[in-house]
């Protein structure tokens, strides 16, 4: 039971992190007019966009 609960939590984390990344990228595009990033932006690309 504990293993299943831990696995369920672990499975939910990437989804929420990915949604946060997309939300941050969308806000960045809306604010700075940058080109739209891919649906699943990687952290390096977001960092590169933030530095430009």
N, C-alpha and C. Protein backbone atom coordinates (compact mmCIF):
# COMPACT_ATOMS: atom_id res chain seq x y z
N UNK A 1 0.84 -1.21 0.00
CA UNK A 1 0.00 0.00 0.00
C UNK A 1 0.88 1.26 0.00
N UNK A 2 1.89 1.29 0.84
CA UNK A 2 2.75 2.48 0.88
C UNK A 2 3.45 2.68 -0.46
N UNK A 3 3.89 1.59 -1.05
CA UNK A 3 4.59 1.71 -2.34
C UNK A 3 3.63 2.29 -3.39
N UNK A 4 2.38 1.85 -3.39
CA UNK A 4 1.42 2.36 -4.37
C UNK A 4 1.16 3.85 -4.15
N UNK A 5 1.04 4.26 -2.90
CA UNK A 5 0.79 5.67 -2.60
C UNK A 5 1.98 6.52 -3.03
N UNK A 6 3.18 6.04 -2.76
CA UNK A 6 4.38 6.79 -3.16
C UNK A 6 4.46 6.88 -4.67
N UNK A 7 4.11 5.79 -5.35
CA UNK A 7 4.17 5.78 -6.81
C UNK A 7 3.13 6.75 -7.38
N UNK A 8 1.95 6.79 -6.78
CA UNK A 8 0.91 7.69 -7.25
C UNK A 8 1.36 9.15 -7.11
N UNK A 9 1.97 9.47 -5.98
CA UNK A 9 2.47 10.84 -5.78
C UNK A 9 3.56 11.16 -6.78
N UNK A 10 4.47 10.21 -7.01
CA UNK A 10 5.57 10.44 -7.95
C UNK A 10 5.02 10.63 -9.36
N UNK A 11 3.95 9.93 -9.69
CA UNK A 11 3.37 10.04 -11.02
C UNK A 11 2.70 11.40 -11.21
N UNK A 12 2.20 11.98 -10.14
CA UNK A 12 1.52 13.28 -10.23
C UNK A 12 2.51 14.44 -10.32
N UNK A 13 3.69 14.28 -9.75
CA UNK A 13 4.64 15.40 -9.70
C UNK A 13 5.08 15.88 -11.09
N UNK A 14 5.52 15.00 -11.99
CA UNK A 14 5.96 15.49 -13.30
C UNK A 14 4.85 16.23 -14.04
N UNK A 15 3.62 15.76 -13.90
CA UNK A 15 2.51 16.41 -14.60
C UNK A 15 2.33 17.84 -14.09
N UNK A 16 2.37 18.03 -12.77
CA UNK A 16 2.18 19.37 -12.23
C UNK A 16 3.37 20.25 -12.57
N UNK A 17 4.59 19.69 -12.53
CA UNK A 17 5.77 20.47 -12.89
C UNK A 17 5.69 20.88 -14.36
N UNK A 18 5.25 19.96 -15.21
CA UNK A 18 5.15 20.26 -16.63
C UNK A 18 4.12 21.36 -16.85
N UNK A 19 2.99 21.28 -16.15
CA UNK A 19 1.97 22.32 -16.28
C UNK A 19 2.52 23.67 -15.82
N UNK A 20 3.30 23.66 -14.74
CA UNK A 20 3.91 24.91 -14.27
C UNK A 20 4.88 25.46 -15.31
N UNK A 21 5.65 24.57 -15.93
CA UNK A 21 6.62 25.01 -16.94
C UNK A 21 5.89 25.64 -18.12
N UNK A 22 4.80 24.98 -18.57
CA UNK A 22 4.03 25.51 -19.70
C UNK A 22 3.41 26.85 -19.31
N UNK A 23 2.89 26.94 -18.10
CA UNK A 23 2.30 28.20 -17.64
C UNK A 23 3.34 29.30 -17.59
N UNK A 24 4.53 29.00 -17.10
CA UNK A 24 5.60 30.00 -17.04
C UNK A 24 6.02 30.41 -18.44
N UNK A 25 6.12 29.46 -19.34
CA UNK A 25 6.51 29.77 -20.72
C UNK A 25 5.43 30.62 -21.39
N UNK A 26 4.17 30.28 -21.16
CA UNK A 26 3.07 31.05 -21.74
C UNK A 26 3.07 32.47 -21.21
N UNK A 27 3.29 32.62 -19.91
CA UNK A 27 3.35 33.96 -19.32
C UNK A 27 4.53 34.74 -19.89
N UNK A 28 5.65 34.06 -20.09
CA UNK A 28 6.84 34.71 -20.66
C UNK A 28 6.53 35.21 -22.07
N UNK A 29 5.90 34.36 -22.87
CA UNK A 29 5.55 34.74 -24.24
C UNK A 29 4.58 35.92 -24.23
N UNK A 30 3.60 35.87 -23.35
CA UNK A 30 2.61 36.94 -23.29
C UNK A 30 3.27 38.26 -22.89
N UNK A 31 4.24 38.20 -22.01
CA UNK A 31 4.86 39.42 -21.49
C UNK A 31 5.91 39.98 -22.44
N UNK A 32 6.71 39.10 -23.03
CA UNK A 32 7.86 39.57 -23.82
C UNK A 32 7.68 39.38 -25.33
N UNK A 33 6.61 38.69 -25.75
CA UNK A 33 6.40 38.49 -27.17
C UNK A 33 7.42 37.55 -27.78
N UNK A 34 7.93 36.61 -27.01
CA UNK A 34 8.88 35.65 -27.54
C UNK A 34 8.14 34.60 -28.37
N UNK A 35 8.83 33.91 -29.27
CA UNK A 35 8.18 32.84 -30.03
C UNK A 35 7.61 31.76 -29.11
N UNK A 36 6.54 31.13 -29.54
CA UNK A 36 5.89 30.11 -28.71
C UNK A 36 6.80 28.90 -28.58
N UNK A 37 7.08 28.46 -27.35
CA UNK A 37 7.94 27.29 -27.15
C UNK A 37 7.18 26.00 -27.46
N UNK A 38 7.88 24.88 -27.59
CA UNK A 38 7.22 23.59 -27.81
C UNK A 38 6.30 23.25 -26.63
N UNK A 39 5.34 22.35 -26.83
CA UNK A 39 4.37 22.03 -25.76
C UNK A 39 5.03 21.57 -24.47
N UNK A 40 6.14 20.86 -24.55
CA UNK A 40 6.84 20.40 -23.34
C UNK A 40 8.23 21.02 -23.32
N UNK A 41 8.36 22.28 -22.93
CA UNK A 41 9.68 22.92 -22.92
C UNK A 41 10.59 22.29 -21.89
N UNK A 42 11.85 22.14 -22.22
CA UNK A 42 12.81 21.62 -21.26
C UNK A 42 13.36 22.78 -20.44
N UNK A 43 13.88 22.48 -19.29
CA UNK A 43 14.38 23.55 -18.43
C UNK A 43 15.53 24.34 -19.09
N UNK A 44 16.47 23.68 -19.78
CA UNK A 44 17.53 24.46 -20.43
C UNK A 44 16.97 25.48 -21.42
N UNK A 45 15.96 25.12 -22.21
CA UNK A 45 15.42 26.06 -23.19
C UNK A 45 14.74 27.22 -22.49
N UNK A 46 14.03 26.95 -21.39
CA UNK A 46 13.40 28.02 -20.63
C UNK A 46 14.48 28.95 -20.04
N UNK A 47 15.55 28.37 -19.54
CA UNK A 47 16.63 29.18 -18.98
C UNK A 47 17.27 30.03 -20.08
N UNK A 48 17.42 29.46 -21.25
CA UNK A 48 18.00 30.20 -22.37
C UNK A 48 17.08 31.36 -22.77
N UNK A 49 15.78 31.11 -22.78
CA UNK A 49 14.83 32.17 -23.11
C UNK A 49 14.89 33.28 -22.07
N UNK A 50 15.00 32.89 -20.81
CA UNK A 50 15.01 33.88 -19.74
C UNK A 50 16.26 34.76 -19.81
N UNK A 51 17.36 34.22 -20.32
CA UNK A 51 18.61 34.98 -20.38
C UNK A 51 18.62 35.94 -21.57
N UNK A 52 17.82 35.69 -22.59
CA UNK A 52 17.85 36.56 -23.78
C UNK A 52 17.27 37.92 -23.47
